[in-house]
Amino acid sequence: MTGASRGIGLAVADALRATGMHVVRLARSLRTKKGERMTDIACDVTKPADVKAAADQVVGDLGVPDIVVNNAGIFLIKPLAETTDDDFTSTLATNLTAPFLIARALVPGMVSRGSGHFVTVGSISDYIGFPGSTAYAASKFGVRGMHEVIRAETARSGVRTTLLSPGPVDTDIWDAVDPDSKPGFTKRKDMLRAEDIAQAVVYAVTQPEHVAVTEIRLLPTNYSPRG
């Protein structure tokens, strides 16, 4: 579970652990430690060496994981003209390169074993382009494309794949944006909650083996087209 120290990642990790699973949480801000049905690993998922070390530790200690949830991400709202080179490259590094590194490190082992579930947490921005989201949309459309290729490559291998594409979720990524003060944005009280996304992940990965939940799209009931 990447990006598991807060927000959606933390909620998903807690929900999976509540089902009785042993959960491995990866995040830069975590301290490496082990607990009851929980392993935390300090890992910068944008760095290939960190990802390899974390994957080696997981497989060495626990075996090839049954479920991988690719969740780590950053959020950026800037018009094209104001998006810097660093904005673009850092967004792609976290939102696209990191999921690729995790997938490359762990999916082949799942295929070799003949079972597993690979979950990608995308966004509404993986299928709709909103003004002011050049870098973010590029990264999320890229994640969708990568996920679809992984689905094609793992077909008939016993590995299931799910792409989860939520609308706006009330986490701290919105603090700097302050959507409540901006016209056209979904107000925070109307957004999805991190726990909603967590329950969708639990639903997908706990279906019988003959059922593949390939994609889930979640939107707030009172959804504004801008936010």
Protein backbone atom coordinates (compact mmCIF):
# COMPACT_ATOMS: atom_id res chain seq x y z
CA MET A 1 0.00 0.00 0.00
CA THR A 2 1.72 3.18 -1.16
CA GLY A 3 1.05 6.68 0.11
CA ALA A 4 -0.32 5.06 3.25
CA SER A 5 0.56 7.60 5.93
CA ARG A 6 -2.49 9.84 5.46
CA GLY A 7 -5.63 10.52 3.44
CA ILE A 8 -6.91 7.84 1.10
CA GLY A 9 -3.89 5.60 1.62
CA LEU A 10 -4.23 5.53 5.38
CA ALA A 11 -7.98 4.87 5.13
CA VAL A 12 -7.44 1.99 2.69
CA ALA A 13 -4.71 0.48 4.85
CA ASP A 14 -6.92 0.65 7.94
CA ALA A 15 -9.91 -0.85 6.09
CA LEU A 16 -7.90 -3.75 4.69
CA ARG A 17 -6.34 -4.43 8.08
CA ALA A 18 -9.82 -4.45 9.64
CA THR A 19 -10.70 -7.41 7.38
CA GLY A 20 -7.88 -9.42 8.98
CA MET A 21 -5.21 -8.81 6.35
CA HIS A 22 -1.58 -8.09 7.13
CA VAL A 23 -0.97 -4.67 5.62
CA VAL A 24 2.36 -3.24 4.49
CA ARG A 25 2.36 0.54 4.37
CA LEU A 26 4.89 2.48 2.30
CA ALA A 27 5.46 6.21 2.68
CA ARG A 28 8.36 8.62 3.02
CA SER A 29 7.10 9.90 6.37
CA LEU A 30 6.80 6.47 8.01
CA ARG A 31 9.40 4.87 10.25
CA THR A 32 10.24 1.29 9.35
CA LYS A 33 8.67 -0.96 11.98
CA LYS A 34 6.55 -4.08 12.45
CA GLY A 35 3.38 -4.54 14.48
CA GLU A 36 0.32 -6.75 14.68
CA ARG A 37 -0.78 -7.41 11.09
CA MET A 38 1.08 -4.26 10.05
CA THR A 39 4.50 -3.52 8.57
CA ASP A 40 5.60 0.05 7.93
CA ILE A 41 8.45 0.75 5.53
CA ALA A 42 10.00 4.17 4.98
CA CYS A 43 10.13 4.45 1.20
CA ASP A 44 10.33 7.22 -1.38
CA VAL A 45 8.41 5.52 -4.16
CA THR A 46 9.86 7.89 -6.77
CA LYS A 47 13.31 6.34 -6.20
CA PRO A 48 14.00 3.00 -7.91
CA ALA A 49 16.46 1.89 -5.22
CA ASP A 50 13.94 2.56 -2.44
CA VAL A 51 11.21 0.66 -4.25
CA LYS A 52 13.47 -2.30 -4.94
CA ALA A 53 14.59 -2.43 -1.32
CA ALA A 54 11.01 -2.25 -0.05
CA ALA A 55 9.80 -4.90 -2.51
CA ASP A 56 12.69 -7.21 -1.57
CA GLN A 57 11.86 -6.77 2.11
CA VAL A 58 8.17 -7.50 1.58
CA VAL A 59 8.75 -10.58 -0.55
CA GLY A 60 11.53 -11.81 1.73
CA ASP A 61 9.52 -11.41 4.94
CA LEU A 62 5.97 -12.13 3.78
CA GLY A 63 6.13 -13.54 0.26
CA VAL A 64 4.65 -12.10 -2.91
CA PRO A 65 1.75 -9.88 -1.83
CA ASP A 66 -1.82 -10.97 -2.50
CA ILE A 67 -2.94 -7.37 -3.02
CA VAL A 68 -1.03 -4.31 -4.20
CA VAL A 69 -2.65 -0.88 -3.96
CA ASN A 70 -0.90 1.83 -5.95
CA ASN A 71 -2.12 5.02 -4.31
CA ALA A 72 0.73 7.51 -3.73
CA GLY A 73 0.16 10.81 -5.47
CA ILE A 74 0.38 14.59 -5.35
CA PHE A 75 -2.15 17.18 -6.49
CA LEU A 76 -1.42 20.33 -8.46
CA ILE A 77 -3.72 23.01 -9.86
CA LYS A 78 -2.00 25.49 -12.17
CA PRO A 79 -2.83 26.79 -15.64
CA LEU A 80 -0.55 25.62 -18.45
CA ALA A 81 1.30 28.95 -18.67
CA GLU A 82 2.11 28.89 -14.94
CA THR A 83 3.17 25.23 -14.76
CA THR A 84 6.93 25.08 -14.36
CA ASP A 85 9.26 22.35 -15.57
CA ASP A 86 9.71 21.24 -11.97
CA ASP A 87 5.93 21.20 -11.40
CA PHE A 88 5.45 18.90 -14.37
CA THR A 89 8.34 16.54 -13.73
CA SER A 90 7.69 16.21 -10.00
CA THR A 91 3.99 15.49 -10.58
CA LEU A 92 4.79 12.80 -13.13
CA ALA A 93 7.51 11.35 -10.88
CA THR A 94 5.07 10.80 -8.01
CA ASN A 95 1.86 10.07 -9.89
CA LEU A 96 3.17 8.02 -12.82
CA THR A 97 6.78 6.90 -12.40
CA ALA A 98 6.24 5.72 -8.83
CA PRO A 99 3.25 3.50 -9.71
CA PHE A 100 5.30 2.08 -12.59
CA LEU A 101 8.18 1.23 -10.24
CA ILE A 102 5.83 -0.51 -7.79
CA ALA A 103 4.08 -2.43 -10.57
CA ARG A 104 7.35 -3.55 -12.14
CA ALA A 105 8.66 -4.69 -8.77
CA LEU A 106 5.63 -6.72 -7.67
CA VAL A 107 3.30 -7.65 -10.54
CA PRO A 108 5.65 -10.19 -12.20
CA GLY A 109 5.78 -12.19 -8.98
CA MET A 110 2.00 -12.23 -8.78
CA VAL A 111 1.83 -13.45 -12.40
CA SER A 112 4.40 -16.18 -11.73
CA ARG A 113 2.38 -17.36 -8.74
CA GLY A 114 -0.85 -17.22 -10.73
CA SER A 115 -2.85 -15.07 -8.34
CA GLY A 116 -3.10 -11.61 -6.87
CA HIS A 117 -4.97 -8.34 -7.17
CA PHE A 118 -3.42 -5.14 -8.46
CA VAL A 119 -5.36 -1.97 -7.60
CA THR A 120 -4.61 1.45 -9.03
CA VAL A 121 -6.11 4.53 -7.39
CA GLY A 122 -6.59 7.00 -10.20
CA SER A 123 -8.87 10.02 -10.32
CA ILE A 124 -11.73 11.57 -12.22
CA SER A 125 -8.81 13.34 -13.93
CA ASP A 126 -7.77 10.06 -15.53
CA TYR A 127 -10.69 10.40 -17.93
CA ILE A 128 -11.71 14.11 -17.82
CA GLY A 129 -9.37 17.04 -18.42
CA PHE A 130 -10.13 20.02 -16.19
CA PRO A 131 -8.74 23.52 -16.78
CA GLY A 132 -5.74 24.18 -14.58
CA SER A 133 -4.64 20.55 -14.33
CA THR A 134 -2.07 20.09 -17.10
CA ALA A 135 0.47 18.18 -15.03
CA TYR A 136 -2.04 16.35 -12.86
CA ALA A 137 -4.21 15.21 -15.78
CA ALA A 138 -1.16 14.12 -17.77
CA SER A 139 -0.04 11.97 -14.85
CA LYS A 140 -3.46 10.46 -14.22
CA PHE A 141 -4.25 9.78 -17.88
CA GLY A 142 -0.83 8.11 -17.98
CA VAL A 143 -1.69 5.97 -14.95
CA ARG A 144 -4.90 4.86 -16.65
CA GLY A 145 -2.97 3.89 -19.75
CA MET A 146 -0.37 1.99 -17.76
CA HIS A 147 -3.04 0.20 -15.76
CA GLU A 148 -4.88 -0.87 -18.92
CA VAL A 149 -1.66 -2.30 -20.35
CA ILE A 150 -1.01 -4.19 -17.10
CA ARG A 151 -4.55 -5.55 -17.31
CA ALA A 152 -3.90 -6.75 -20.88
CA GLU A 153 -0.55 -8.27 -19.98
CA THR A 154 -1.93 -10.11 -16.95
CA ALA A 155 -5.09 -11.39 -18.65
CA ARG A 156 -5.66 -15.09 -18.01
CA SER A 157 -2.76 -15.15 -15.54
CA GLY A 158 -4.97 -15.35 -12.45
CA VAL A 159 -4.09 -11.77 -11.49
CA ARG A 160 -7.05 -9.40 -11.20
CA THR A 161 -6.80 -5.65 -11.76
CA THR A 162 -8.99 -2.77 -10.62
CA LEU A 163 -8.78 0.90 -11.55
CA LEU A 164 -10.50 3.12 -9.01
CA SER A 165 -11.30 6.64 -10.28
CA PRO A 166 -12.84 8.87 -7.60
CA GLY A 167 -14.05 12.42 -7.88
CA PRO A 168 -12.94 14.98 -5.27
CA VAL A 169 -12.17 13.50 -1.87
CA ASP A 170 -11.99 15.63 1.27
CA THR A 171 -8.37 15.20 2.34
CA ASP A 172 -5.62 17.67 3.18
CA ILE A 173 -4.59 17.99 -0.46
CA TRP A 174 -7.36 20.56 -0.74
CA ASP A 175 -6.03 22.76 2.07
CA ALA A 176 -3.88 24.89 -0.22
CA VAL A 177 -6.62 25.14 -2.85
CA ASP A 178 -9.44 26.22 -0.52
CA PRO A 179 -12.25 25.04 -2.82
CA ASP A 180 -14.94 26.50 -0.56
CA SER A 181 -13.83 29.99 -1.58
CA LYS A 182 -13.68 29.30 -5.32
CA PRO A 183 -16.69 29.27 -7.65
CA GLY A 184 -17.19 26.08 -9.61
CA PHE A 185 -15.39 23.81 -7.14
CA THR A 186 -17.15 21.14 -5.13
CA LYS A 187 -17.39 22.28 -1.53
CA ARG A 188 -15.55 20.14 0.97
CA LYS A 189 -18.69 19.16 2.83
CA ASP A 190 -20.03 17.67 -0.41
CA MET A 191 -16.88 15.74 -1.33
CA LEU A 192 -16.31 12.04 -0.95
CA ARG A 193 -14.56 10.84 2.21
CA ALA A 194 -11.36 8.81 2.26
CA GLU A 195 -13.33 6.00 3.90
CA ASP A 196 -15.60 5.84 0.84
CA ILE A 197 -12.62 5.05 -1.34
CA ALA A 198 -11.36 2.53 1.20
CA GLN A 199 -14.64 0.65 1.16
CA ALA A 200 -14.59 0.55 -2.64
CA VAL A 201 -11.13 -1.03 -2.52
CA VAL A 202 -12.28 -3.58 0.05
CA TYR A 203 -15.29 -4.40 -2.12
CA ALA A 204 -13.13 -4.98 -5.20
CA VAL A 205 -10.52 -7.17 -3.55
CA THR A 206 -12.91 -9.32 -1.52
CA GLN A 207 -15.04 -10.56 -4.40
CA PRO A 208 -14.97 -14.27 -5.22
CA GLU A 209 -12.04 -15.34 -7.40
CA HIS A 210 -14.25 -15.72 -10.46
CA VAL A 211 -15.36 -12.05 -10.23
CA ALA A 212 -13.14 -9.27 -11.57
CA VAL A 213 -14.15 -5.72 -10.65
CA THR A 214 -12.16 -4.05 -13.40
CA GLU A 215 -13.08 -0.42 -12.78
CA ILE A 216 -14.94 1.68 -10.22
CA ARG A 217 -15.88 5.34 -10.65
CA LEU A 218 -17.11 7.23 -7.60
CA LEU A 219 -18.54 10.75 -7.56
CA PRO A 220 -20.09 12.86 -4.82
CA THR A 221 -23.87 12.96 -5.02
CA ASN A 222 -23.83 16.75 -5.26
CA TYR A 223 -21.03 16.89 -7.80
CA SER A 224 -19.93 20.12 -9.45
CA PRO A 225 -18.49 19.61 -12.98
CA ARG A 226 -15.48 21.82 -12.14
CA GLY A 227 -14.30 20.12 -9.01
